[in-house]
Amino acid sequence: MNDAGEVKCPPWVVGLCAAMWCAASALAASERGNTLKTIASQPSWIVRGSDVELAVTQLGGHMAPVTFYRNTDKPVQPYYISPWQEENLKLDVPVLVPLRGDFFCMPFGANQEACEGVNFPPHGETAGSKWTFVSLEKSGAATSLTLEMTTKIRPGKVTKRLSLVDGQNVVYCRHVLEGFSLKTPLGHHATLAVGQEEGSLRIATSEIQFGMTCPVLFSDPANREYQSFAVNKKFQDLRHVPLLWKDCPEADCTSFPARTGFTDLLAIFSRKSQRVPAWTAATNQQGGYLWFSLKDPAVLPSTVFWISNRGRHGQPWNGRNRCLGLEDVCGYFAEGIAPSARPNLLTEAGIPTSVELSPERPTAVNHIQGVVKVPPGFNTVETVEFAPGKVTFLSATGQKVAAAVNHEFLWSGRL
């Protein structure tokens, strides 16, 4: 007590109380984060920042819905959720059960061929098995959900960390792979909802080395699936992708939806850069926004386009599925682990298609996805400029929009 009759605590008591309060707050947040909410039939964890709210499924770790600009009069939900979610179907392919939004794949691809006598499910356990909650924490402006999975087919641990930063309409994704002895394709399977009006979604990317249609038949009519792309054809420009038909030789793959009744696949290969992100941007003029992804092209050198436009008629697709996968990966198209791990057409061209995982060192894969609102008339992105903590998108019509993005995260893994 001082001369004025006030009781003052010693500094060490104040510090102890503050530490206990922080610990209690973190524990309370962690307990709240561990509560699952069923969304579109799937138990999901919810993460909220000041500007973004996201749900991630317990099964497969699929991220959707994600609401950007969540406190505005026009929130944005760009991701796809498969139409069979409330139908209680018995599906043999685990990844199809929660199918939605973005999810991490390892091994990425169909995995129809065994590798060293081992069979993996399509897109791996990370996309179709249950994740375990670790923590939900807030540190400064960042709120982060951490999940983990111990895989069984090839033993190892994957740690998933999804972070939101107050003041930004961005999701920061980090996956750390530990304990594996495996040569594998991997990557992100971001999947966007596509509207009904043709050309309503416009796609642009950073400079590419070249692109290719799938080297094998992607949609087999014997399975009631149909494709429009020619097989195993190179191209230099997404506006000129070879088609099967002689009287209609090219497709414009910067404009979607298009070619209703077909499901196609292509891949483009980023030019190498010195710590400058490679990017993909999808402008939705009707919605007044653009979605973007940023990657380190040395880690994820390919972007696979999964163009699903009512071209599959077996269950659960039933001729109704319309979405666009813009999948930043290291892999041999979507063929899976065996074709990706051995020499192939892409490795001959100097493009990596697998990552060598070692139990002696962890491997981190960082990725960024976000949304920025655009003014009327803003169409296809033409160029992207990077400044510290900021990304500016310039349209072909000369308009520009900027977004706060810590793109340095791609190399540091820190916010």
Protein backbone atom coordinates (compact mmCIF):
# COMPACT_ATOMS: atom_id res chain seq x y z
CA MET A 1 0.00 0.00 0.00
CA ASN A 2 1.32 3.47 -0.87
CA ASP A 3 0.78 6.78 0.90
CA ALA A 4 -2.50 7.35 -0.92
CA GLY A 5 -3.89 4.08 0.38
CA GLU A 6 -3.64 2.34 -2.98
CA VAL A 7 -2.65 -1.32 -3.14
CA LYS A 8 -0.01 -2.01 -5.78
CA CYS A 9 1.07 -5.45 -6.91
CA PRO A 10 4.76 -6.20 -7.39
CA PRO A 11 5.79 -6.36 -11.08
CA TRP A 12 6.35 -10.09 -10.89
CA VAL A 13 2.75 -10.63 -9.76
CA VAL A 14 1.45 -8.48 -12.64
CA GLY A 15 3.57 -10.47 -15.09
CA LEU A 16 2.39 -13.78 -13.66
CA CYS A 17 -1.25 -12.74 -13.85
CA ALA A 18 -0.81 -11.60 -17.46
CA ALA A 19 0.83 -14.89 -18.41
CA MET A 20 -1.96 -16.85 -16.71
CA TRP A 21 -4.59 -14.77 -18.50
CA CYS A 22 -2.89 -15.34 -21.86
CA ALA A 23 -2.64 -19.06 -21.21
CA ALA A 24 -6.30 -19.22 -20.16
CA SER A 25 -7.35 -17.26 -23.23
CA ALA A 26 -5.33 -19.54 -25.50
CA LEU A 27 -6.84 -22.60 -23.83
CA ALA A 28 -10.36 -21.18 -24.19
CA ALA A 29 -9.72 -20.39 -27.86
CA SER A 30 -8.29 -23.86 -28.37
CA GLU A 31 -11.33 -25.47 -26.77
CA ARG A 32 -13.68 -23.35 -28.90
CA GLY A 33 -11.71 -24.23 -32.02
CA ASN A 34 -12.01 -27.94 -31.28
CA THR A 35 -15.80 -27.74 -31.57
CA LEU A 36 -16.99 -29.25 -34.84
CA LYS A 37 -19.94 -27.81 -36.75
CA THR A 38 -21.67 -29.74 -39.51
CA ILE A 39 -21.61 -27.77 -42.79
CA ALA A 40 -22.92 -29.30 -46.03
CA SER A 41 -23.01 -32.72 -44.30
CA GLN A 42 -19.39 -32.61 -43.07
CA PRO A 43 -18.15 -31.98 -39.50
CA SER A 44 -15.90 -28.92 -39.84
CA TRP A 45 -13.75 -26.61 -37.78
CA ILE A 46 -14.42 -22.87 -38.08
CA VAL A 47 -11.73 -20.17 -38.09
CA ARG A 48 -12.59 -16.46 -37.97
CA GLY A 49 -10.49 -13.39 -38.52
CA SER A 50 -11.70 -9.82 -38.81
CA ASP A 51 -12.29 -10.17 -42.57
CA VAL A 52 -12.47 -13.90 -43.36
CA GLU A 53 -14.29 -16.91 -41.99
CA LEU A 54 -13.37 -20.39 -43.17
CA ALA A 55 -14.56 -23.90 -42.54
CA VAL A 56 -12.29 -26.93 -42.94
CA THR A 57 -13.66 -30.47 -42.90
CA GLN A 58 -12.44 -33.04 -40.42
CA LEU A 59 -12.50 -35.61 -43.21
CA GLY A 60 -9.85 -34.71 -45.77
CA GLY A 61 -9.18 -31.17 -44.55
CA HIS A 62 -11.22 -29.58 -47.36
CA MET A 63 -11.47 -25.80 -47.01
CA ALA A 64 -14.96 -24.46 -47.84
CA PRO A 65 -17.05 -22.50 -47.48
CA VAL A 66 -14.69 -19.55 -47.10
CA THR A 67 -16.32 -16.16 -46.69
CA PHE A 68 -14.11 -13.21 -47.65
CA TYR A 69 -15.20 -9.63 -46.80
CA ARG A 70 -17.42 -11.34 -44.25
CA ASN A 71 -18.55 -8.16 -42.48
CA THR A 72 -19.53 -6.24 -45.62
CA ASP A 73 -22.86 -6.00 -47.44
CA LYS A 74 -21.39 -8.12 -50.26
CA PRO A 75 -19.41 -11.04 -48.80
CA VAL A 76 -17.65 -13.34 -51.27
CA GLN A 77 -17.71 -17.16 -51.27
CA PRO A 78 -15.68 -18.30 -54.30
CA TYR A 79 -15.23 -22.02 -53.60
CA TYR A 80 -17.14 -24.99 -54.94
CA ILE A 81 -19.02 -27.52 -52.78
CA SER A 82 -20.02 -30.77 -54.52
CA PRO A 83 -23.77 -31.13 -55.14
CA TRP A 84 -24.19 -34.56 -53.52
CA GLN A 85 -23.40 -33.50 -49.97
CA GLU A 86 -26.88 -34.13 -48.54
CA GLU A 87 -27.58 -37.33 -50.48
CA ASN A 88 -26.00 -39.91 -48.13
CA LEU A 89 -24.27 -41.71 -50.99
CA LYS A 90 -21.99 -44.67 -50.43
CA LEU A 91 -18.81 -43.59 -52.20
CA ASP A 92 -15.77 -45.84 -52.67
CA VAL A 93 -13.37 -42.92 -53.27
CA PRO A 94 -12.73 -41.13 -49.93
CA VAL A 95 -11.84 -37.73 -51.44
CA LEU A 96 -15.27 -37.54 -53.11
CA VAL A 97 -17.13 -37.73 -49.80
CA PRO A 98 -16.39 -34.15 -48.61
CA LEU A 99 -15.31 -32.81 -52.02
CA ARG A 100 -15.14 -29.01 -51.85
CA GLY A 101 -12.91 -25.94 -51.96
CA ASP A 102 -9.19 -26.41 -51.46
CA PHE A 103 -7.40 -29.42 -49.97
CA PHE A 104 -3.83 -30.67 -49.75
CA CYS A 105 -3.01 -33.78 -51.78
CA MET A 106 -0.18 -36.22 -51.15
CA PRO A 107 0.29 -38.14 -53.37
CA PHE A 108 -1.49 -35.79 -55.76
CA GLY A 109 -3.41 -37.48 -58.58
CA ALA A 110 -5.51 -40.52 -59.40
CA ASN A 111 -2.92 -43.02 -58.08
CA GLN A 112 -4.40 -45.83 -60.16
CA GLU A 113 -0.99 -47.46 -60.54
CA ALA A 114 0.76 -49.00 -57.52
CA CYS A 115 4.15 -47.58 -56.56
CA GLU A 116 6.71 -50.03 -55.21
CA GLY A 117 3.89 -52.46 -54.51
CA VAL A 118 1.87 -49.91 -52.54
CA ASN A 119 -1.52 -48.49 -53.52
CA PHE A 120 -2.60 -44.99 -52.53
CA PRO A 121 -6.14 -43.60 -52.70
CA PRO A 122 -6.84 -40.78 -55.17
CA HIS A 123 -5.07 -37.64 -53.89
CA GLY A 124 -3.75 -39.55 -50.89
CA GLU A 125 -4.73 -39.95 -47.26
CA THR A 126 -4.38 -36.20 -46.66
CA ALA A 127 -7.42 -35.60 -48.89
CA GLY A 128 -9.69 -38.38 -47.65
CA SER A 129 -8.77 -39.37 -44.07
CA LYS A 130 -9.53 -37.68 -40.75
CA TRP A 131 -7.43 -34.83 -39.42
CA THR A 132 -6.81 -34.25 -35.70
CA PHE A 133 -7.23 -30.88 -34.02
CA VAL A 134 -4.07 -29.43 -32.42
CA SER A 135 -4.79 -25.77 -31.65
CA LEU A 136 -6.57 -22.54 -32.51
CA GLU A 137 -4.39 -19.58 -31.58
CA LYS A 138 -4.28 -15.83 -32.05
CA SER A 139 -0.90 -14.09 -32.12
CA GLY A 140 -1.02 -10.40 -32.87
CA ALA A 141 -3.12 -9.92 -36.01
CA ALA A 142 -2.91 -13.62 -37.05
CA THR A 143 -5.40 -16.36 -36.15
CA SER A 144 -4.19 -19.88 -36.94
CA LEU A 145 -5.80 -23.31 -36.89
CA THR A 146 -3.36 -26.22 -36.65
CA LEU A 147 -4.34 -29.78 -37.54
CA GLU A 148 -2.24 -32.91 -37.98
CA MET A 149 -2.44 -36.36 -39.50
CA THR A 150 -0.30 -39.45 -39.01
CA THR A 151 -0.48 -41.38 -42.26
CA LYS A 152 -0.64 -45.16 -42.39
CA ILE A 153 0.16 -46.26 -45.96
CA ARG A 154 3.58 -44.68 -45.72
CA PRO A 155 4.29 -43.62 -42.12
CA GLY A 156 4.83 -39.93 -41.47
CA LYS A 157 3.19 -36.85 -40.03
CA VAL A 158 1.57 -33.94 -41.88
CA THR A 159 0.87 -30.70 -40.02
CA LYS A 160 -1.68 -28.34 -41.58
CA ARG A 161 -1.72 -24.70 -40.50
CA LEU A 162 -4.33 -22.30 -41.90
CA SER A 163 -3.91 -18.66 -40.92
CA LEU A 164 -5.95 -15.47 -41.29
CA VAL A 165 -4.56 -11.98 -40.74
CA ASP A 166 -6.79 -9.13 -39.59
CA GLY A 167 -7.15 -6.51 -42.29
CA GLN A 168 -6.52 -9.02 -45.11
CA ASN A 169 -8.83 -11.13 -47.27
CA VAL A 170 -6.26 -13.90 -47.55
CA VAL A 171 -5.78 -17.49 -46.36
CA TYR A 172 -2.21 -18.59 -45.64
CA CYS A 173 -1.72 -22.36 -45.96
CA ARG A 174 1.31 -24.21 -44.64
CA HIS A 175 1.83 -27.98 -44.68
CA VAL A 176 4.88 -29.51 -43.00
CA LEU A 177 5.76 -33.13 -43.87
CA GLU A 178 7.90 -35.08 -41.39
CA GLY A 179 9.20 -38.61 -41.07
CA PHE A 180 8.50 -39.71 -44.64
CA SER A 181 10.77 -41.70 -46.90
CA LEU A 182 8.92 -41.15 -50.14
CA LYS A 183 9.22 -39.67 -53.61
CA THR A 184 5.80 -38.19 -54.27
CA PRO A 185 3.75 -35.65 -56.18
CA LEU A 186 1.92 -33.17 -53.96
CA GLY A 187 0.06 -29.89 -54.00
CA HIS A 188 -3.12 -27.88 -53.55
CA HIS A 189 -6.46 -28.73 -55.16
CA ALA A 190 -8.18 -25.32 -55.13
CA THR A 191 -11.62 -25.66 -56.77
CA LEU A 192 -13.83 -22.70 -57.64
CA ALA A 193 -17.56 -22.47 -58.19
CA VAL A 194 -18.45 -21.53 -61.76
CA GLY A 195 -21.59 -19.65 -62.78
CA GLN A 196 -24.09 -20.54 -65.48
CA GLU A 197 -23.28 -17.80 -67.98
CA GLU A 198 -20.50 -18.69 -70.42
CA GLY A 199 -17.40 -16.55 -69.96
CA SER A 200 -18.43 -15.30 -66.52
CA LEU A 201 -15.09 -16.36 -65.03
CA ARG A 202 -11.89 -15.06 -66.65
CA ILE A 203 -8.52 -16.71 -65.93
CA ALA A 204 -5.00 -15.32 -66.17
CA THR A 205 -1.65 -16.59 -64.94
CA SER A 206 1.93 -15.46 -64.61
CA GLU A 207 4.24 -16.24 -67.54
CA ILE A 208 4.54 -19.92 -68.43
CA GLN A 209 7.15 -22.05 -70.16
CA PHE A 210 4.44 -23.96 -72.03
CA GLY A 211 1.25 -25.93 -71.43
CA MET A 212 0.04 -29.43 -72.30
CA THR A 213 -3.20 -31.30 -72.47
CA CYS A 214 -3.33 -34.57 -70.56
CA PRO A 215 -0.89 -37.10 -72.12
CA VAL A 216 -3.49 -39.88 -71.85
CA LEU A 217 -7.27 -40.00 -72.29
CA PHE A 218 -8.65 -38.12 -69.29
CA SER A 219 -12.39 -38.76 -69.72
CA ASP A 220 -13.20 -42.21 -71.05
CA PRO A 221 -16.56 -42.66 -72.83
CA ALA A 222 -16.52 -46.28 -71.64
CA ASN A 223 -17.04 -44.80 -68.15
CA ARG A 224 -19.72 -42.37 -69.37
CA GLU A 225 -17.22 -39.51 -69.35
CA TYR A 226 -16.44 -37.17 -72.23
CA GLN A 227 -13.62 -34.76 -73.02
CA SER A 228 -13.10 -32.11 -75.69
CA PHE A 229 -9.32 -31.63 -75.52
CA ALA A 230 -6.91 -33.36 -77.87
CA VAL A 231 -4.59 -35.81 -76.13
CA ASN A 232 -0.94 -35.02 -75.39
CA LYS A 233 -0.68 -31.68 -77.19
CA LYS A 234 1.57 -28.75 -76.30
CA PHE A 235 0.51 -25.13 -76.45
CA GLN A 236 2.04 -21.75 -75.60
CA ASP A 237 -1.09 -19.76 -74.79
CA LEU A 238 -4.21 -20.64 -72.78
CA ARG A 239 -6.30 -18.98 -75.48
CA HIS A 240 -5.18 -21.63 -78.00
CA VAL A 241 -5.60 -25.11 -76.50
CA PRO A 242 -5.95 -27.94 -79.06
CA LEU A 243 -9.32 -29.67 -79.29
CA LEU A 244 -10.28 -33.08 -80.66
CA TRP A 245 -12.32 -31.74 -83.59
CA LYS A 246 -10.82 -30.58 -86.87
CA ASP A 247 -13.54 -28.04 -87.58
CA CYS A 248 -13.07 -26.45 -84.13
CA PRO A 249 -9.33 -26.76 -83.54
CA GLU A 250 -8.80 -24.59 -80.44
CA ALA A 251 -10.33 -23.72 -77.09
CA ASP A 252 -10.00 -20.46 -75.17
CA CYS A 253 -9.10 -21.64 -71.66
CA THR A 254 -9.11 -18.16 -70.18
CA SER A 255 -12.93 -18.10 -70.23
CA PHE A 256 -15.29 -20.33 -68.22
CA PRO A 257 -17.71 -22.01 -68.24
CA ALA A 258 -17.37 -23.29 -71.78
CA ARG A 259 -18.04 -26.51 -73.73
CA THR A 260 -20.90 -27.86 -71.63
CA GLY A 261 -20.95 -31.65 -71.58
CA PHE A 262 -17.21 -32.21 -71.25
CA THR A 263 -14.67 -32.70 -68.46
CA ASP A 264 -11.09 -31.85 -69.40
CA LEU A 265 -7.63 -31.48 -67.93
CA LEU A 266 -4.55 -29.48 -68.86
CA ALA A 267 -1.42 -28.29 -67.09
CA ILE A 268 0.72 -25.19 -67.43
CA PHE A 269 4.30 -24.85 -66.19
CA SER A 270 5.54 -21.71 -64.51
CA ARG A 271 8.74 -19.96 -65.45
CA LYS A 272 11.35 -20.09 -62.72
CA SER A 273 11.86 -16.86 -60.79
CA GLN A 274 14.08 -15.49 -58.05
CA ARG A 275 11.75 -15.16 -55.06
CA VAL A 276 8.91 -13.69 -57.10
CA PRO A 277 5.59 -15.54 -56.70
CA ALA A 278 3.89 -17.24 -59.60
CA TRP A 279 0.20 -16.40 -59.68
CA THR A 280 -3.22 -17.41 -60.96
CA ALA A 281 -6.16 -14.99 -61.01
CA ALA A 282 -9.84 -15.70 -61.69
CA THR A 283 -11.99 -12.61 -62.25
CA ASN A 284 -15.72 -12.87 -61.59
CA GLN A 285 -17.10 -9.64 -63.04
CA GLN A 286 -20.69 -10.36 -62.06
CA GLY A 287 -19.60 -11.02 -58.50
CA GLY A 288 -17.33 -7.98 -58.47
CA TYR A 289 -14.21 -9.80 -57.27
CA LEU A 290 -11.16 -11.75 -58.31
CA TRP A 291 -9.78 -14.84 -56.59
CA PHE A 292 -6.04 -15.39 -56.67
CA SER A 293 -3.42 -17.90 -55.64
CA LEU A 294 0.30 -17.32 -55.10
CA LYS A 295 3.02 -19.98 -55.03
CA ASP A 296 6.75 -20.52 -55.12
CA PRO A 297 7.26 -22.00 -58.62
CA ALA A 298 10.36 -23.85 -57.45
CA VAL A 299 8.17 -25.86 -55.05
CA LEU A 300 4.95 -26.11 -57.08
CA PRO A 301 6.01 -25.75 -60.74
CA SER A 302 2.71 -26.83 -62.34
CA THR A 303 -0.87 -25.58 -62.29
CA VAL A 304 -3.40 -28.22 -63.30
CA PHE A 305 -6.75 -27.08 -64.69
CA TRP A 306 -9.56 -29.52 -63.87
CA ILE A 307 -12.41 -28.28 -66.08
CA SER A 308 -15.56 -30.08 -64.98
CA ASN A 309 -18.55 -28.96 -67.02
CA ARG A 310 -21.20 -31.68 -66.80
CA GLY A 311 -19.05 -34.20 -68.63
CA ARG A 312 -19.23 -37.10 -66.15
CA HIS A 313 -22.40 -39.17 -65.94
CA GLY A 314 -21.56 -41.90 -63.44
CA GLN A 315 -22.26 -41.61 -59.72
CA PRO A 316 -21.94 -39.19 -57.95
CA TRP A 317 -21.45 -36.79 -60.86
CA ASN A 318 -24.66 -37.63 -62.75
CA GLY A 319 -24.03 -35.03 -65.45
CA ARG A 320 -24.55 -32.09 -63.08
CA ASN A 321 -21.09 -31.12 -61.82
CA ARG A 322 -19.67 -27.74 -62.83
CA CYS A 323 -16.51 -26.37 -61.27
CA LEU A 324 -12.97 -25.28 -62.10
CA GLY A 325 -9.92 -26.70 -60.36
CA LEU A 326 -6.87 -24.41 -60.40
CA GLU A 327 -4.42 -26.75 -58.71
CA ASP A 328 -0.88 -25.64 -57.86
CA VAL A 329 1.16 -28.83 -57.68
CA CYS A 330 4.38 -30.68 -58.30
CA GLY A 331 3.25 -33.70 -60.28
CA TYR A 332 2.81 -35.40 -63.63
CA PHE A 333 -0.61 -33.96 -64.52
CA ALA A 334 -3.12 -35.89 -62.35
CA GLU A 335 -1.68 -39.34 -63.05
CA GLY A 336 -0.48 -40.00 -59.52
CA ILE A 337 2.60 -41.21 -57.70
CA ALA A 338 4.05 -43.91 -59.98
CA PRO A 339 4.10 -41.85 -63.24
CA SER A 340 5.26 -38.78 -61.30
CA ALA A 341 8.12 -40.51 -59.50
CA ARG A 342 9.73 -41.98 -62.62
CA PRO A 343 11.16 -40.19 -65.69
CA ASN A 344 8.42 -38.77 -67.90
CA LEU A 345 7.70 -36.15 -70.58
CA LEU A 346 7.91 -33.31 -68.07
CA THR A 347 11.10 -34.34 -66.31
CA GLU A 348 12.70 -34.64 -69.76
CA ALA A 349 11.80 -30.96 -70.23
CA GLY A 350 13.37 -30.05 -66.88
CA ILE A 351 10.12 -29.75 -64.92
CA PRO A 352 10.05 -31.60 -61.57
CA THR A 353 7.07 -33.90 -61.04
CA SER A 354 7.82 -35.24 -57.56
CA VAL A 355 9.34 -34.21 -54.24
CA GLU A 356 11.89 -36.35 -52.41
CA LEU A 357 10.77 -36.57 -48.77
CA SER A 358 13.32 -37.67 -46.20
CA PRO A 359 12.85 -38.64 -42.53
CA GLU A 360 16.00 -36.65 -41.81
CA ARG A 361 14.45 -33.27 -42.67
CA PRO A 362 10.96 -31.75 -42.70
CA THR A 363 9.55 -30.42 -45.98
CA ALA A 364 7.30 -27.34 -45.93
CA VAL A 365 4.81 -26.36 -48.64
CA ASN A 366 3.49 -22.79 -48.35
CA HIS A 367 0.61 -21.44 -50.41
CA ILE A 368 -1.57 -18.31 -50.47
CA GLN A 369 -5.16 -17.87 -51.62
CA GLY A 370 -7.22 -14.71 -51.43
CA VAL A 371 -9.86 -12.42 -52.85
CA VAL A 372 -9.93 -8.74 -53.78
CA LYS A 373 -12.99 -6.81 -54.93
CA VAL A 374 -12.85 -5.22 -58.38
CA PRO A 375 -14.72 -2.27 -59.96
CA PRO A 376 -17.14 -2.58 -62.90
CA GLY A 377 -15.31 -3.18 -66.15
CA PHE A 378 -12.32 -4.88 -64.51
CA ASN A 379 -11.90 -8.06 -66.56
CA THR A 380 -8.93 -10.35 -67.18
CA VAL A 381 -5.81 -9.66 -65.12
CA GLU A 382 -2.94 -8.66 -67.37
CA THR A 383 -0.08 -8.09 -64.94
CA VAL A 384 0.61 -8.36 -61.21
CA GLU A 385 2.99 -6.14 -59.25
CA PHE A 386 4.55 -7.10 -55.93
CA ALA A 387 5.64 -4.68 -53.21
CA PRO A 388 6.38 -5.45 -49.55
CA GLY A 389 3.11 -6.63 -47.99
CA LYS A 390 1.10 -5.70 -51.07
CA VAL A 391 -0.03 -7.14 -54.40
CA THR A 392 -1.51 -5.02 -57.20
CA PHE A 393 -3.56 -6.52 -60.04
CA LEU A 394 -3.81 -4.63 -63.34
CA SER A 395 -6.56 -5.52 -65.82
CA ALA A 396 -6.47 -5.56 -69.59
CA THR A 397 -8.81 -2.53 -69.44
CA GLY A 398 -6.22 -0.51 -67.53
CA GLN A 399 -7.84 -0.66 -64.10
CA LYS A 400 -5.99 -1.71 -60.97
CA VAL A 401 -6.81 -3.04 -57.52
CA ALA A 402 -4.46 -3.70 -54.61
CA ALA A 403 -4.61 -6.22 -51.80
CA ALA A 404 -2.70 -6.46 -48.54
CA VAL A 405 -0.82 -9.77 -48.77
CA ASN A 406 2.26 -10.98 -46.92
CA HIS A 407 3.55 -12.79 -50.00
CA GLU A 408 6.95 -13.15 -48.33
CA PHE A 409 5.25 -16.00 -46.40
CA LEU A 410 5.83 -18.26 -49.41
CA TRP A 411 9.55 -18.38 -48.54
CA SER A 412 9.60 -17.71 -44.80
CA GLY A 413 6.51 -19.60 -43.66
CA ARG A 414 6.01 -16.82 -41.09
CA LEU A 415 3.44 -14.06 -40.67
